[in-house]
Amino acid sequence: MKTMFAAVLPLAIAACAPLEPLPVGAENSAPANPTTHLHAAPPVEYLGYQVVEPADWRGVNDSQREN
């Protein structure tokens, strides 16, 4: 218990310490990389799956083992 207390106490004190103020003008600085490449949709197509009855698990395992 003493070891845990000795490990947690400095972290708790550091977490409660005030932060250093930001440099003057830092709030109005431009981002480092202003260009973003956002896509309207993902670049893959979803083909979907057909609903089928459950297969025998041995057959499923054998088919995966062959791949």
PDB file of N, CA and C in Angstrom:
ATOM      1  N   MET A   1       0.821  -1.190   0.000  1.00  0.00           N
ATOM      2  CA  MET A   1       0.000   0.000   0.000  1.00  0.00           C
ATOM      3  C   MET A   1       0.865   1.255   0.000  1.00  0.00           C
ATOM      4  N   LYS A   2       1.972   1.225   0.741  1.00  0.00           N
ATOM      5  CA  LYS A   2       2.858   2.381   0.793  1.00  0.00           C
ATOM      6  C   LYS A   2       3.493   2.648  -0.558  1.00  0.00           C
ATOM      7  N   THR A   3       3.826   1.579  -1.287  1.00  0.00           N
ATOM      8  CA  THR A   3       4.422   1.744  -2.612  1.00  0.00           C
ATOM      9  C   THR A   3       3.434   2.383  -3.571  1.00  0.00           C
ATOM     10  N   MET A   4       2.178   1.939  -3.503  1.00  0.00           N
ATOM     11  CA  MET A   4       1.165   2.521  -4.374  1.00  0.00           C
ATOM     12  C   MET A   4       0.932   3.990  -4.024  1.00  0.00           C
ATOM     13  N   PHE A   5       0.884   4.295  -2.749  1.00  0.00           N
ATOM     14  CA  PHE A   5       0.699   5.679  -2.319  1.00  0.00           C
ATOM     15  C   PHE A   5       1.876   6.541  -2.776  1.00  0.00           C
ATOM     16  N   ALA A   6       3.088   6.000  -2.679  1.00  0.00           N
ATOM     17  CA  ALA A   6       4.277   6.739  -3.099  1.00  0.00           C
ATOM     18  C   ALA A   6       4.293   6.947  -4.611  1.00  0.00           C
ATOM     19  N   ALA A   7       3.683   6.060  -5.352  1.00  0.00           N
ATOM     20  CA  ALA A   7       3.647   6.208  -6.807  1.00  0.00           C
ATOM     21  C   ALA A   7       2.537   7.151  -7.251  1.00  0.00           C
ATOM     22  N   VAL A   8       1.415   7.152  -6.541  1.00  0.00           N
ATOM     23  CA  VAL A   8       0.258   7.944  -6.954  1.00  0.00           C
ATOM     24  C   VAL A   8       0.355   9.388  -6.476  1.00  0.00           C
ATOM     25  N   LEU A   9       0.963   9.632  -5.340  1.00  0.00           N
ATOM     26  CA  LEU A   9       1.013  10.975  -4.770  1.00  0.00           C
ATOM     27  C   LEU A   9       1.675  11.991  -5.703  1.00  0.00           C
ATOM     28  N   PRO A  10       2.847  11.737  -6.268  1.00  0.00           N
ATOM     29  CA  PRO A  10       3.427  12.731  -7.181  1.00  0.00           C
ATOM     30  C   PRO A  10       2.572  12.972  -8.424  1.00  0.00           C
ATOM     31  N   LEU A  11       1.913  11.935  -8.926  1.00  0.00           N
ATOM     32  CA  LEU A  11       1.050  12.112 -10.089  1.00  0.00           C
ATOM     33  C   LEU A  11      -0.158  12.975  -9.751  1.00  0.00           C
ATOM     34  N   ALA A  12      -0.728  12.765  -8.577  1.00  0.00           N
ATOM     35  CA  ALA A  12      -1.884  13.555  -8.163  1.00  0.00           C
ATOM     36  C   ALA A  12      -1.493  15.009  -7.940  1.00  0.00           C
ATOM     37  N   ILE A  13      -0.335  15.246  -7.353  1.00  0.00           N
ATOM     38  CA  ILE A  13       0.118  16.626  -7.140  1.00  0.00           C
ATOM     39  C   ILE A  13       0.390  17.300  -8.472  1.00  0.00           C
ATOM     40  N   ALA A  14       1.005  16.599  -9.411  1.00  0.00           N
ATOM     41  CA  ALA A  14       1.291  17.179 -10.724  1.00  0.00           C
ATOM     42  C   ALA A  14       0.004  17.454 -11.490  1.00  0.00           C
ATOM     43  N   ALA A  15      -1.011  16.627 -11.313  1.00  0.00           N
ATOM     44  CA  ALA A  15      -2.280  16.837 -12.016  1.00  0.00           C
ATOM     45  C   ALA A  15      -3.004  18.057 -11.492  1.00  0.00           C
ATOM     46  N   CYS A  16      -2.788  18.430 -10.238  1.00  0.00           N
ATOM     47  CA  CYS A  16      -3.456  19.587  -9.649  1.00  0.00           C
ATOM     48  C   CYS A  16      -2.684  20.881  -9.852  1.00  0.00           C
ATOM     49  N   ALA A  17      -1.479  20.804 -10.373  1.00  0.00           N
ATOM     50  CA  ALA A  17      -0.662  21.999 -10.568  1.00  0.00           C
ATOM     51  C   ALA A  17      -1.234  22.842 -11.717  1.00  0.00           C
ATOM     52  N   PRO A  18      -1.146  24.167 -11.611  1.00  0.00           N
ATOM     53  CA  PRO A  18      -1.654  25.020 -12.705  1.00  0.00           C
ATOM     54  C   PRO A  18      -0.797  24.876 -13.961  1.00  0.00           C
ATOM     55  N   LEU A  19      -1.436  25.031 -15.099  1.00  0.00           N
ATOM     56  CA  LEU A  19      -0.737  24.936 -16.381  1.00  0.00           C
ATOM     57  C   LEU A  19      -0.041  26.244 -16.695  1.00  0.00           C
ATOM     58  N   GLU A  20       1.006  26.162 -17.495  1.00  0.00           N
ATOM     59  CA  GLU A  20       1.687  27.374 -17.940  1.00  0.00           C
ATOM     60  C   GLU A  20       0.799  28.080 -18.947  1.00  0.00           C
ATOM     61  N   PRO A  21       0.797  29.415 -18.933  1.00  0.00           N
ATOM     62  CA  PRO A  21      -0.034  30.138 -19.902  1.00  0.00           C
ATOM     63  C   PRO A  21       0.495  29.962 -21.327  1.00  0.00           C
ATOM     64  N   LEU A  22      -0.412  30.047 -22.288  1.00  0.00           N
ATOM     65  CA  LEU A  22      -0.024  29.952 -23.689  1.00  0.00           C
ATOM     66  C   LEU A  22       0.734  31.194 -24.104  1.00  0.00           C
ATOM     67  N   PRO A  23       1.627  31.084 -25.095  1.00  0.00           N
ATOM     68  CA  PRO A  23       2.311  32.278 -25.580  1.00  0.00           C
ATOM     69  C   PRO A  23       1.318  33.262 -26.201  1.00  0.00           C
ATOM     70  N   VAL A  24       1.685  34.527 -26.219  1.00  0.00           N
ATOM     71  CA  VAL A  24       0.814  35.560 -26.776  1.00  0.00           C
ATOM     72  C   VAL A  24       0.619  35.293 -28.264  1.00  0.00           C
ATOM     73  N   GLY A  25      -0.625  35.316 -28.712  1.00  0.00           N
ATOM     74  CA  GLY A  25      -0.940  35.100 -30.118  1.00  0.00           C
ATOM     75  C   GLY A  25      -1.163  33.643 -30.483  1.00  0.00           C
ATOM     76  N   ALA A  26      -1.038  32.737 -29.553  1.00  0.00           N
ATOM     77  CA  ALA A  26      -1.202  31.316 -29.864  1.00  0.00           C
ATOM     78  C   ALA A  26      -2.643  30.982 -30.190  1.00  0.00           C
ATOM     79  N   GLU A  27      -3.595  31.759 -29.673  1.00  0.00           N
ATOM     80  CA  GLU A  27      -4.998  31.453 -29.930  1.00  0.00           C
ATOM     81  C   GLU A  27      -5.418  31.803 -31.353  1.00  0.00           C
ATOM     82  N   ASN A  28      -4.657  32.623 -32.046  1.00  0.00           N
ATOM     83  CA  ASN A  28      -5.016  33.018 -33.409  1.00  0.00           C
ATOM     84  C   ASN A  28      -4.093  32.404 -34.455  1.00  0.00           C
ATOM     85  N   SER A  29      -3.278  31.455 -34.101  1.00  0.00           N
ATOM     86  CA  SER A  29      -2.356  30.867 -35.059  1.00  0.00           C
ATOM     87  C   SER A  29      -3.097  29.918 -35.995  1.00  0.00           C
ATOM     88  N   ALA A  30      -2.579  29.798 -37.197  1.00  0.00           N
ATOM     89  CA  ALA A  30      -3.192  28.936 -38.208  1.00  0.00           C
ATOM     90  C   ALA A  30      -2.815  27.482 -37.934  1.00  0.00           C
ATOM     91  N   PRO A  31      -3.632  26.525 -38.368  1.00  0.00           N
ATOM     92  CA  PRO A  31      -3.271  25.120 -38.189  1.00  0.00           C
ATOM     93  C   PRO A  31      -2.059  24.754 -39.031  1.00  0.00           C
ATOM     94  N   ALA A  32      -1.356  23.732 -38.623  1.00  0.00           N
ATOM     95  CA  ALA A  32      -0.141  23.320 -39.323  1.00  0.00           C
ATOM     96  C   ALA A  32      -0.453  22.809 -40.722  1.00  0.00           C
ATOM     97  N   ASN A  33      -1.578  22.111 -40.897  1.00  0.00           N
ATOM     98  CA  ASN A  33      -1.953  21.566 -42.195  1.00  0.00           C
ATOM     99  C   ASN A  33      -3.401  21.981 -42.476  1.00  0.00           C
ATOM    100  N   PRO A  34      -3.614  23.134 -43.109  1.00  0.00           N
ATOM    101  CA  PRO A  34      -4.987  23.612 -43.291  1.00  0.00           C
ATOM    102  C   PRO A  34      -5.790  22.842 -44.328  1.00  0.00           C
ATOM    103  N   THR A  35      -5.142  22.108 -45.216  1.00  0.00           N
ATOM    104  CA  THR A  35      -5.883  21.383 -46.251  1.00  0.00           C
ATOM    105  C   THR A  35      -6.286  20.011 -45.727  1.00  0.00           C
ATOM    106  N   THR A  36      -7.518  19.661 -45.941  1.00  0.00           N
ATOM    107  CA  THR A  36      -8.003  18.331 -45.559  1.00  0.00           C
ATOM    108  C   THR A  36      -8.584  17.662 -46.790  1.00  0.00           C
ATOM    109  N   HIS A  37      -8.473  16.371 -46.834  1.00  0.00           N
ATOM    110  CA  HIS A  37      -8.985  15.599 -47.953  1.00  0.00           C
ATOM    111  C   HIS A  37     -10.112  14.710 -47.442  1.00  0.00           C
ATOM    112  N   LEU A  38     -11.269  15.294 -47.244  1.00  0.00           N
ATOM    113  CA  LEU A  38     -12.407  14.538 -46.754  1.00  0.00           C
ATOM    114  C   LEU A  38     -13.226  14.020 -47.930  1.00  0.00           C
ATOM    115  N   HIS A  39     -13.639  12.786 -47.839  1.00  0.00           N
ATOM    116  CA  HIS A  39     -14.459  12.187 -48.880  1.00  0.00           C
ATOM    117  C   HIS A  39     -15.915  12.198 -48.437  1.00  0.00           C
ATOM    118  N   ALA A  40     -16.810  12.368 -49.383  1.00  0.00           N
ATOM    119  CA  ALA A  40     -18.231  12.371 -49.060  1.00  0.00           C
ATOM    120  C   ALA A  40     -18.708  10.974 -48.689  1.00  0.00           C
ATOM    121  N   ALA A  41     -18.087   9.960 -49.254  1.00  0.00           N
ATOM    122  CA  ALA A  41     -18.475   8.579 -48.975  1.00  0.00           C
ATOM    123  C   ALA A  41     -17.205   7.737 -48.884  1.00  0.00           C
ATOM    124  N   PRO A  42     -17.255   6.603 -48.230  1.00  0.00           N
ATOM    125  CA  PRO A  42     -16.066   5.763 -48.174  1.00  0.00           C
ATOM    126  C   PRO A  42     -15.697   5.258 -49.561  1.00  0.00           C
ATOM    127  N   PRO A  43     -14.411   5.026 -49.813  1.00  0.00           N
ATOM    128  CA  PRO A  43     -13.982   4.617 -51.152  1.00  0.00           C
ATOM    129  C   PRO A  43     -14.187   3.126 -51.424  1.00  0.00           C
ATOM    130  N   VAL A  44     -14.970   2.430 -50.627  1.00  0.00           N
ATOM    131  CA  VAL A  44     -15.249   1.012 -50.856  1.00  0.00           C
ATOM    132  C   VAL A  44     -16.733   0.824 -51.090  1.00  0.00           C
ATOM    133  N   GLU A  45     -17.072  -0.262 -51.706  1.00  0.00           N
ATOM    134  CA  GLU A  45     -18.474  -0.567 -51.957  1.00  0.00           C
ATOM    135  C   GLU A  45     -18.917  -1.700 -51.038  1.00  0.00           C
ATOM    136  N   TYR A  46     -20.107  -1.591 -50.511  1.00  0.00           N
ATOM    137  CA  TYR A  46     -20.668  -2.638 -49.664  1.00  0.00           C
ATOM    138  C   TYR A  46     -21.546  -3.514 -50.529  1.00  0.00           C
ATOM    139  N   LEU A  47     -21.216  -4.800 -50.591  1.00  0.00           N
ATOM    140  CA  LEU A  47     -21.960  -5.721 -51.441  1.00  0.00           C
ATOM    141  C   LEU A  47     -23.067  -6.433 -50.685  1.00  0.00           C
ATOM    142  N   GLY A  48     -22.960  -6.539 -49.395  1.00  0.00           N
ATOM    143  CA  GLY A  48     -23.995  -7.177 -48.597  1.00  0.00           C
ATOM    144  C   GLY A  48     -23.861  -8.686 -48.584  1.00  0.00           C
ATOM    145  N   TYR A  49     -24.676  -9.315 -47.785  1.00  0.00           N
ATOM    146  CA  TYR A  49     -24.678 -10.764 -47.647  1.00  0.00           C
ATOM    147  C   TYR A  49     -26.111 -11.265 -47.729  1.00  0.00           C
ATOM    148  N   GLN A  50     -26.242 -12.485 -48.217  1.00  0.00           N
ATOM    149  CA  GLN A  50     -27.541 -13.131 -48.264  1.00  0.00           C
ATOM    150  C   GLN A  50     -27.762 -13.875 -46.953  1.00  0.00           C
ATOM    151  N   VAL A  51     -28.962 -13.844 -46.435  1.00  0.00           N
ATOM    152  CA  VAL A  51     -29.298 -14.580 -45.226  1.00  0.00           C
ATOM    153  C   VAL A  51     -29.548 -16.033 -45.616  1.00  0.00           C
ATOM    154  N   VAL A  52     -28.820 -16.935 -44.968  1.00  0.00           N
ATOM    155  CA  VAL A  52     -28.950 -18.360 -45.257  1.00  0.00           C
ATOM    156  C   VAL A  52     -29.114 -19.117 -43.947  1.00  0.00           C
ATOM    157  N   GLU A  53     -29.476 -20.370 -44.061  1.00  0.00           N
ATOM    158  CA  GLU A  53     -29.602 -21.229 -42.890  1.00  0.00           C
ATOM    159  C   GLU A  53     -28.202 -21.492 -42.316  1.00  0.00           C
ATOM    160  N   PRO A  54     -28.103 -21.727 -41.012  1.00  0.00           N
ATOM    161  CA  PRO A  54     -26.792 -22.025 -40.431  1.00  0.00           C
ATOM    162  C   PRO A  54     -26.203 -23.287 -41.047  1.00  0.00           C
ATOM    163  N   ALA A  55     -24.916 -23.243 -41.327  1.00  0.00           N
ATOM    164  CA  ALA A  55     -24.230 -24.387 -41.918  1.00  0.00           C
ATOM    165  C   ALA A  55     -23.658 -25.275 -40.818  1.00  0.00           C
ATOM    166  N   ASP A  56     -23.299 -26.492 -41.201  1.00  0.00           N
ATOM    167  CA  ASP A  56     -22.649 -27.404 -40.273  1.00  0.00           C
ATOM    168  C   ASP A  56     -21.295 -26.809 -39.898  1.00  0.00           C
ATOM    169  N   TRP A  57     -20.982 -26.751 -38.613  1.00  0.00           N
ATOM    170  CA  TRP A  57     -19.755 -26.079 -38.184  1.00  0.00           C
ATOM    171  C   TRP A  57     -18.507 -26.786 -38.673  1.00  0.00           C
ATOM    172  N   ARG A  58     -18.576 -28.086 -38.887  1.00  0.00           N
ATOM    173  CA  ARG A  58     -17.406 -28.799 -39.408  1.00  0.00           C
ATOM    174  C   ARG A  58     -17.099 -28.369 -40.839  1.00  0.00           C
ATOM    175  N   GLY A  59     -18.139 -28.191 -41.635  1.00  0.00           N
ATOM    176  CA  GLY A  59     -17.935 -27.737 -43.008  1.00  0.00           C
ATOM    177  C   GLY A  59     -17.381 -26.322 -43.052  1.00  0.00           C
ATOM    178  N   VAL A  60     -17.851 -25.473 -42.145  1.00  0.00           N
ATOM    179  CA  VAL A  60     -17.337 -24.102 -42.098  1.00  0.00           C
ATOM    180  C   VAL A  60     -15.866 -24.104 -41.693  1.00  0.00           C
ATOM    181  N   ASN A  61     -15.516 -24.893 -40.689  1.00  0.00           N
ATOM    182  CA  ASN A  61     -14.116 -24.972 -40.265  1.00  0.00           C
ATOM    183  C   ASN A  61     -13.229 -25.529 -41.366  1.00  0.00           C
ATOM    184  N   ASP A  62     -13.697 -26.562 -42.064  1.00  0.00           N
ATOM    185  CA  ASP A  62     -12.895 -27.127 -43.140  1.00  0.00           C
ATOM    186  C   ASP A  62     -12.687 -26.130 -44.276  1.00  0.00           C
ATOM    187  N   SER A  63     -13.711 -25.354 -44.595  1.00  0.00           N
ATOM    188  CA  SER A  63     -13.572 -24.384 -45.673  1.00  0.00           C
ATOM    189  C   SER A  63     -12.611 -23.255 -45.278  1.00  0.00           C
ATOM    190  N   GLN A  64     -12.584 -22.879 -44.012  1.00  0.00           N
ATOM    191  CA  GLN A  64     -11.643 -21.848 -43.576  1.00  0.00           C
ATOM    192  C   GLN A  64     -10.222 -22.384 -43.486  1.00  0.00           C
ATOM    193  N   ARG A  65     -10.074 -23.656 -43.164  1.00  0.00           N
ATOM    194  CA  ARG A  65      -8.746 -24.252 -43.063  1.00  0.00           C
ATOM    195  C   ARG A  65      -8.103 -24.326 -44.433  1.00  0.00           C
ATOM    196  N   GLU A  66      -8.880 -24.525 -45.487  1.00  0.00           N
ATOM    197  CA  GLU A  66      -8.335 -24.632 -46.843  1.00  0.00           C
ATOM    198  C   GLU A  66      -7.834 -23.293 -47.358  1.00  0.00           C
ATOM    199  N   ASN A  67      -8.374 -22.188 -46.831  1.00  0.00           N
ATOM    200  CA  ASN A  67      -7.945 -20.857 -47.294  1.00  0.00           C
ATOM    201  C   ASN A  67      -6.705 -20.508 -46.595  1.00  0.00           C
TER     202      ASN A  67
END
